[in-house]
Amino acid sequence: MVMTESYAEANSVETIGDQPLIVPMVGKSSDFGDPGLNKQAENYQQIWIHEIQPKPANLSSRARQVVVPECDL
């Protein structure tokens, strides 16, 4: 119950104004040693980068997205 309430509360935030915000972004896909799984990871990473990660960055007029090259999902 608490987790559901926390998600709802977090999703209700529309802005944090001009508060500085840095949103770290994954820099590479995981290597699962399987071409099929690697393709799925790459596809998910694209969704993460282009759909999920921009949401917090859009909360502040002073937000910046930073790619962390050695970080993977």
PDB file of N, CA and C in Angstrom:
ATOM      1  N   MET A   1       0.811  -1.188   0.000  1.00  0.00           N
ATOM      2  CA  MET A   1       0.000   0.000   0.000  1.00  0.00           C
ATOM      3  C   MET A   1       0.858   1.256   0.000  1.00  0.00           C
ATOM      4  N   VAL A   2       1.894   1.275   0.835  1.00  0.00           N
ATOM      5  CA  VAL A   2       2.743   2.457   0.927  1.00  0.00           C
ATOM      6  C   VAL A   2       3.439   2.728  -0.395  1.00  0.00           C
ATOM      7  N   MET A   3       3.913   1.670  -1.072  1.00  0.00           N
ATOM      8  CA  MET A   3       4.602   1.851  -2.343  1.00  0.00           C
ATOM      9  C   MET A   3       3.655   2.447  -3.382  1.00  0.00           C
ATOM     10  N   THR A   4       2.437   1.954  -3.446  1.00  0.00           N
ATOM     11  CA  THR A   4       1.448   2.487  -4.385  1.00  0.00           C
ATOM     12  C   THR A   4       1.193   3.957  -4.114  1.00  0.00           C
ATOM     13  N   GLU A   5       1.064   4.313  -2.846  1.00  0.00           N
ATOM     14  CA  GLU A   5       0.850   5.717  -2.486  1.00  0.00           C
ATOM     15  C   GLU A   5       2.059   6.565  -2.851  1.00  0.00           C
ATOM     16  N   SER A   6       3.265   6.037  -2.640  1.00  0.00           N
ATOM     17  CA  SER A   6       4.490   6.765  -2.978  1.00  0.00           C
ATOM     18  C   SER A   6       4.576   7.008  -4.479  1.00  0.00           C
ATOM     19  N   TYR A   7       4.251   5.993  -5.284  1.00  0.00           N
ATOM     20  CA  TYR A   7       4.269   6.159  -6.736  1.00  0.00           C
ATOM     21  C   TYR A   7       3.262   7.211  -7.168  1.00  0.00           C
ATOM     22  N   ALA A   8       2.082   7.160  -6.603  1.00  0.00           N
ATOM     23  CA  ALA A   8       1.048   8.138  -6.957  1.00  0.00           C
ATOM     24  C   ALA A   8       1.494   9.547  -6.589  1.00  0.00           C
ATOM     25  N   GLU A   9       2.086   9.684  -5.421  1.00  0.00           N
ATOM     26  CA  GLU A   9       2.571  10.994  -4.989  1.00  0.00           C
ATOM     27  C   GLU A   9       3.680  11.500  -5.907  1.00  0.00           C
ATOM     28  N   ALA A  10       4.623  10.646  -6.245  1.00  0.00           N
ATOM     29  CA  ALA A  10       5.716  11.043  -7.135  1.00  0.00           C
ATOM     30  C   ALA A  10       5.193  11.406  -8.518  1.00  0.00           C
ATOM     31  N   ASN A  11       4.224  10.652  -9.023  1.00  0.00           N
ATOM     32  CA  ASN A  11       3.669  10.930 -10.349  1.00  0.00           C
ATOM     33  C   ASN A  11       2.844  12.203 -10.384  1.00  0.00           C
ATOM     34  N   SER A  12       2.408  12.678  -9.242  1.00  0.00           N
ATOM     35  CA  SER A  12       1.586  13.889  -9.215  1.00  0.00           C
ATOM     36  C   SER A  12       2.415  15.168  -9.315  1.00  0.00           C
ATOM     37  N   VAL A  13       3.731  15.071  -9.128  1.00  0.00           N
ATOM     38  CA  VAL A  13       4.601  16.250  -9.209  1.00  0.00           C
ATOM     39  C   VAL A  13       4.703  16.685 -10.668  1.00  0.00           C
ATOM     40  N   GLU A  14       4.386  17.936 -10.920  1.00  0.00           N
ATOM     41  CA  GLU A  14       4.441  18.457 -12.286  1.00  0.00           C
ATOM     42  C   GLU A  14       5.634  19.371 -12.514  1.00  0.00           C
ATOM     43  N   THR A  15       6.153  19.977 -11.450  1.00  0.00           N
ATOM     44  CA  THR A  15       7.291  20.871 -11.593  1.00  0.00           C
ATOM     45  C   THR A  15       8.024  21.015 -10.265  1.00  0.00           C
ATOM     46  N   ILE A  16       9.308  21.275 -10.373  1.00  0.00           N
ATOM     47  CA  ILE A  16      10.083  21.679  -9.204  1.00  0.00           C
ATOM     48  C   ILE A  16      10.686  23.064  -9.466  1.00  0.00           C
ATOM     49  N   GLY A  17      10.061  23.756 -10.407  1.00  0.00           N
ATOM     50  CA  GLY A  17      10.462  25.133 -10.699  1.00  0.00           C
ATOM     51  C   GLY A  17      11.838  25.225 -11.322  1.00  0.00           C
ATOM     52  N   ASP A  18      12.680  26.092 -10.750  1.00  0.00           N
ATOM     53  CA  ASP A  18      14.014  26.291 -11.309  1.00  0.00           C
ATOM     54  C   ASP A  18      15.099  25.647 -10.452  1.00  0.00           C
ATOM     55  N   GLN A  19      14.720  24.626  -9.675  1.00  0.00           N
ATOM     56  CA  GLN A  19      15.699  23.909  -8.860  1.00  0.00           C
ATOM     57  C   GLN A  19      16.670  23.166  -9.778  1.00  0.00           C
ATOM     58  N   PRO A  20      17.970  23.250  -9.493  1.00  0.00           N
ATOM     59  CA  PRO A  20      18.932  22.504 -10.311  1.00  0.00           C
ATOM     60  C   PRO A  20      18.680  21.001 -10.189  1.00  0.00           C
ATOM     61  N   LEU A  21      18.778  20.308 -11.294  1.00  0.00           N
ATOM     62  CA  LEU A  21      18.538  18.864 -11.308  1.00  0.00           C
ATOM     63  C   LEU A  21      19.418  18.233 -12.368  1.00  0.00           C
ATOM     64  N   ILE A  22      20.166  17.227 -11.977  1.00  0.00           N
ATOM     65  CA  ILE A  22      20.961  16.451 -12.934  1.00  0.00           C
ATOM     66  C   ILE A  22      20.362  15.058 -12.987  1.00  0.00           C
ATOM     67  N   VAL A  23      20.045  14.616 -14.190  1.00  0.00           N
ATOM     68  CA  VAL A  23      19.457  13.291 -14.395  1.00  0.00           C
ATOM     69  C   VAL A  23      20.512  12.415 -15.070  1.00  0.00           C
ATOM     70  N   PRO A  24      21.096  11.446 -14.335  1.00  0.00           N
ATOM     71  CA  PRO A  24      22.086  10.560 -14.962  1.00  0.00           C
ATOM     72  C   PRO A  24      21.406   9.600 -15.929  1.00  0.00           C
ATOM     73  N   MET A  25      22.090   9.335 -17.032  1.00  0.00           N
ATOM     74  CA  MET A  25      21.549   8.454 -18.077  1.00  0.00           C
ATOM     75  C   MET A  25      22.523   7.302 -18.309  1.00  0.00           C
ATOM     76  N   VAL A  26      21.983   6.114 -18.574  1.00  0.00           N
ATOM     77  CA  VAL A  26      22.840   4.966 -18.871  1.00  0.00           C
ATOM     78  C   VAL A  26      23.597   5.225 -20.169  1.00  0.00           C
ATOM     79  N   GLY A  27      24.843   4.759 -20.207  1.00  0.00           N
ATOM     80  CA  GLY A  27      25.672   4.996 -21.373  1.00  0.00           C
ATOM     81  C   GLY A  27      25.810   3.803 -22.292  1.00  0.00           C
ATOM     82  N   LYS A  28      25.471   2.617 -21.803  1.00  0.00           N
ATOM     83  CA  LYS A  28      25.602   1.432 -22.653  1.00  0.00           C
ATOM     84  C   LYS A  28      24.603   0.371 -22.227  1.00  0.00           C
ATOM     85  N   SER A  29      24.315  -0.513 -23.145  1.00  0.00           N
ATOM     86  CA  SER A  29      23.429  -1.636 -22.842  1.00  0.00           C
ATOM     87  C   SER A  29      24.222  -2.735 -22.158  1.00  0.00           C
ATOM     88  N   SER A  30      23.536  -3.523 -21.374  1.00  0.00           N
ATOM     89  CA  SER A  30      24.172  -4.674 -20.739  1.00  0.00           C
ATOM     90  C   SER A  30      24.516  -5.715 -21.787  1.00  0.00           C
ATOM     91  N   ASP A  31      25.565  -6.480 -21.543  1.00  0.00           N
ATOM     92  CA  ASP A  31      25.920  -7.591 -22.428  1.00  0.00           C
ATOM     93  C   ASP A  31      25.553  -8.885 -21.712  1.00  0.00           C
ATOM     94  N   PHE A  32      24.520  -9.533 -22.223  1.00  0.00           N
ATOM     95  CA  PHE A  32      24.033 -10.763 -21.612  1.00  0.00           C
ATOM     96  C   PHE A  32      24.654 -12.014 -22.241  1.00  0.00           C
ATOM     97  N   GLY A  33      25.533 -11.803 -23.219  1.00  0.00           N
ATOM     98  CA  GLY A  33      26.160 -12.941 -23.871  1.00  0.00           C
ATOM     99  C   GLY A  33      25.229 -13.685 -24.800  1.00  0.00           C
ATOM    100  N   ASP A  34      24.085 -13.089 -25.113  1.00  0.00           N
ATOM    101  CA  ASP A  34      23.096 -13.702 -25.996  1.00  0.00           C
ATOM    102  C   ASP A  34      22.577 -12.607 -26.924  1.00  0.00           C
ATOM    103  N   PRO A  35      22.731 -12.787 -28.239  1.00  0.00           N
ATOM    104  CA  PRO A  35      22.320 -11.734 -29.175  1.00  0.00           C
ATOM    105  C   PRO A  35      20.858 -11.314 -29.024  1.00  0.00           C
ATOM    106  N   GLY A  36      19.980 -12.263 -28.762  1.00  0.00           N
ATOM    107  CA  GLY A  36      18.559 -11.940 -28.603  1.00  0.00           C
ATOM    108  C   GLY A  36      18.306 -11.078 -27.368  1.00  0.00           C
ATOM    109  N   LEU A  37      18.913 -11.466 -26.255  1.00  0.00           N
ATOM    110  CA  LEU A  37      18.763 -10.682 -25.029  1.00  0.00           C
ATOM    111  C   LEU A  37      19.432  -9.321 -25.163  1.00  0.00           C
ATOM    112  N   ASN A  38      20.578  -9.283 -25.836  1.00  0.00           N
ATOM    113  CA  ASN A  38      21.258  -8.007 -26.043  1.00  0.00           C
ATOM    114  C   ASN A  38      20.397  -7.058 -26.872  1.00  0.00           C
ATOM    115  N   LYS A  39      19.707  -7.576 -27.876  1.00  0.00           N
ATOM    116  CA  LYS A  39      18.823  -6.746 -28.699  1.00  0.00           C
ATOM    117  C   LYS A  39      17.668  -6.208 -27.857  1.00  0.00           C
ATOM    118  N   GLN A  40      17.096  -7.057 -27.009  1.00  0.00           N
ATOM    119  CA  GLN A  40      16.026  -6.614 -26.122  1.00  0.00           C
ATOM    120  C   GLN A  40      16.522  -5.515 -25.179  1.00  0.00           C
ATOM    121  N   ALA A  41      17.732  -5.687 -24.648  1.00  0.00           N
ATOM    122  CA  ALA A  41      18.307  -4.675 -23.753  1.00  0.00           C
ATOM    123  C   ALA A  41      18.521  -3.357 -24.486  1.00  0.00           C
ATOM    124  N   GLU A  42      18.991  -3.423 -25.725  1.00  0.00           N
ATOM    125  CA  GLU A  42      19.193  -2.208 -26.523  1.00  0.00           C
ATOM    126  C   GLU A  42      17.856  -1.503 -26.779  1.00  0.00           C
ATOM    127  N   ASN A  43      16.831  -2.290 -27.102  1.00  0.00           N
ATOM    128  CA  ASN A  43      15.507  -1.710 -27.339  1.00  0.00           C
ATOM    129  C   ASN A  43      14.962  -1.052 -26.075  1.00  0.00           C
ATOM    130  N   TYR A  44      15.122  -1.730 -24.939  1.00  0.00           N
ATOM    131  CA  TYR A  44      14.657  -1.161 -23.681  1.00  0.00           C
ATOM    132  C   TYR A  44      15.430   0.107 -23.346  1.00  0.00           C
ATOM    133  N   GLN A  45      16.736   0.106 -23.606  1.00  0.00           N
ATOM    134  CA  GLN A  45      17.548   1.288 -23.332  1.00  0.00           C
ATOM    135  C   GLN A  45      17.043   2.488 -24.128  1.00  0.00           C
ATOM    136  N   GLN A  46      16.629   2.271 -25.362  1.00  0.00           N
ATOM    137  CA  GLN A  46      16.112   3.374 -26.173  1.00  0.00           C
ATOM    138  C   GLN A  46      14.822   3.939 -25.565  1.00  0.00           C
ATOM    139  N   ILE A  47      13.971   3.055 -25.073  1.00  0.00           N
ATOM    140  CA  ILE A  47      12.752   3.513 -24.398  1.00  0.00           C
ATOM    141  C   ILE A  47      13.126   4.276 -23.140  1.00  0.00           C
ATOM    142  N   TRP A  48      14.075   3.743 -22.380  1.00  0.00           N
ATOM    143  CA  TRP A  48      14.521   4.380 -21.144  1.00  0.00           C
ATOM    144  C   TRP A  48      15.061   5.785 -21.429  1.00  0.00           C
ATOM    145  N   ILE A  49      15.920   5.903 -22.448  1.00  0.00           N
ATOM    146  CA  ILE A  49      16.559   7.182 -22.768  1.00  0.00           C
ATOM    147  C   ILE A  49      15.565   8.201 -23.316  1.00  0.00           C
ATOM    148  N   HIS A  50      14.677   7.772 -24.205  1.00  0.00           N
ATOM    149  CA  HIS A  50      13.821   8.719 -24.916  1.00  0.00           C
ATOM    150  C   HIS A  50      12.444   8.932 -24.304  1.00  0.00           C
ATOM    151  N   GLU A  51      11.986   8.010 -23.451  1.00  0.00           N
ATOM    152  CA  GLU A  51      10.649   8.153 -22.886  1.00  0.00           C
ATOM    153  C   GLU A  51      10.638   8.276 -21.356  1.00  0.00           C
ATOM    154  N   ILE A  52      11.422   7.440 -20.677  1.00  0.00           N
ATOM    155  CA  ILE A  52      11.377   7.415 -19.216  1.00  0.00           C
ATOM    156  C   ILE A  52      12.264   8.494 -18.599  1.00  0.00           C
ATOM    157  N   GLN A  53      13.524   8.568 -18.994  1.00  0.00           N
ATOM    158  CA  GLN A  53      14.457   9.524 -18.404  1.00  0.00           C
ATOM    159  C   GLN A  53      14.099  10.991 -18.629  1.00  0.00           C
ATOM    160  N   PRO A  54      13.535  11.377 -19.758  1.00  0.00           N
ATOM    161  CA  PRO A  54      13.205  12.798 -19.933  1.00  0.00           C
ATOM    162  C   PRO A  54      12.146  13.305 -18.952  1.00  0.00           C
ATOM    163  N   LYS A  55      11.325  12.433 -18.415  1.00  0.00           N
ATOM    164  CA  LYS A  55      10.261  12.879 -17.505  1.00  0.00           C
ATOM    165  C   LYS A  55      10.811  13.640 -16.300  1.00  0.00           C
ATOM    166  N   PRO A  56      11.783  13.096 -15.541  1.00  0.00           N
ATOM    167  CA  PRO A  56      12.286  13.889 -14.423  1.00  0.00           C
ATOM    168  C   PRO A  56      13.019  15.143 -14.885  1.00  0.00           C
ATOM    169  N   ALA A  57      13.697  15.079 -16.012  1.00  0.00           N
ATOM    170  CA  ALA A  57      14.417  16.251 -16.513  1.00  0.00           C
ATOM    171  C   ALA A  57      13.460  17.377 -16.874  1.00  0.00           C
ATOM    172  N   ASN A  58      12.239  17.050 -17.229  1.00  0.00           N
ATOM    173  CA  ASN A  58      11.249  18.073 -17.591  1.00  0.00           C
ATOM    174  C   ASN A  58      10.604  18.728 -16.373  1.00  0.00           C
ATOM    175  N   LEU A  59      10.943  18.274 -15.178  1.00  0.00           N
ATOM    176  CA  LEU A  59      10.361  18.852 -13.973  1.00  0.00           C
ATOM    177  C   LEU A  59      10.988  20.194 -13.604  1.00  0.00           C
ATOM    178  N   SER A  60      12.194  20.466 -14.065  1.00  0.00           N
ATOM    179  CA  SER A  60      12.901  21.688 -13.705  1.00  0.00           C
ATOM    180  C   SER A  60      13.350  22.433 -14.949  1.00  0.00           C
ATOM    181  N   SER A  61      13.281  23.745 -14.883  1.00  0.00           N
ATOM    182  CA  SER A  61      13.773  24.561 -15.998  1.00  0.00           C
ATOM    183  C   SER A  61      15.299  24.586 -16.013  1.00  0.00           C
ATOM    184  N   ARG A  62      15.923  24.062 -14.968  1.00  0.00           N
ATOM    185  CA  ARG A  62      17.383  24.026 -14.888  1.00  0.00           C
ATOM    186  C   ARG A  62      17.913  22.601 -14.850  1.00  0.00           C
ATOM    187  N   ALA A  63      17.168  21.675 -15.420  1.00  0.00           N
ATOM    188  CA  ALA A  63      17.587  20.269 -15.427  1.00  0.00           C
ATOM    189  C   ALA A  63      18.551  20.010 -16.575  1.00  0.00           C
ATOM    190  N   ARG A  64      19.384  19.003 -16.357  1.00  0.00           N
ATOM    191  CA  ARG A  64      20.339  18.595 -17.389  1.00  0.00           C
ATOM    192  C   ARG A  64      20.468  17.083 -17.335  1.00  0.00           C
ATOM    193  N   GLN A  65      20.449  16.460 -18.505  1.00  0.00           N
ATOM    194  CA  GLN A  65      20.658  15.024 -18.588  1.00  0.00           C
ATOM    195  C   GLN A  65      22.135  14.787 -18.883  1.00  0.00           C
ATOM    196  N   VAL A  66      22.755  13.868 -18.140  1.00  0.00           N
ATOM    197  CA  VAL A  66      24.167  13.573 -18.303  1.00  0.00           C
ATOM    198  C   VAL A  66      24.325  12.076 -18.541  1.00  0.00           C
ATOM    199  N   VAL A  67      24.957  11.713 -19.661  1.00  0.00           N
ATOM    200  CA  VAL A  67      25.213  10.304 -19.961  1.00  0.00           C
ATOM    201  C   VAL A  67      26.421   9.846 -19.159  1.00  0.00           C
ATOM    202  N   VAL A  68      26.248   8.726 -18.461  1.00  0.00           N
ATOM    203  CA  VAL A  68      27.338   8.113 -17.700  1.00  0.00           C
ATOM    204  C   VAL A  68      27.829   6.932 -18.543  1.00  0.00           C
ATOM    205  N   PRO A  69      28.973   7.124 -19.252  1.00  0.00           N
ATOM    206  CA  PRO A  69      29.411   6.152 -20.259  1.00  0.00           C
ATOM    207  C   PRO A  69      29.544   4.703 -19.783  1.00  0.00           C
ATOM    208  N   GLU A  70      30.010   4.475 -18.574  1.00  0.00           N
ATOM    209  CA  GLU A  70      30.238   3.110 -18.112  1.00  0.00           C
ATOM    210  C   GLU A  70      29.043   2.511 -17.372  1.00  0.00           C
ATOM    211  N   CYS A  71      27.950   3.225 -17.305  1.00  0.00           N
ATOM    212  CA  CYS A  71      26.754   2.751 -16.608  1.00  0.00           C
ATOM    213  C   CYS A  71      25.914   1.930 -17.567  1.00  0.00           C
ATOM    214  N   ASP A  72      25.385   0.800 -17.100  1.00  0.00           N
ATOM    215  CA  ASP A  72      24.479   0.004 -17.933  1.00  0.00           C
ATOM    216  C   ASP A  72      23.237  -0.345 -17.135  1.00  0.00           C
ATOM    217  N   LEU A  73      22.243  -0.857 -17.851  1.00  0.00           N
ATOM    218  CA  LEU A  73      20.987  -1.250 -17.203  1.00  0.00           C
ATOM    219  C   LEU A  73      21.127  -2.603 -16.573  1.00  0.00           C
TER     220      LEU A  73
END
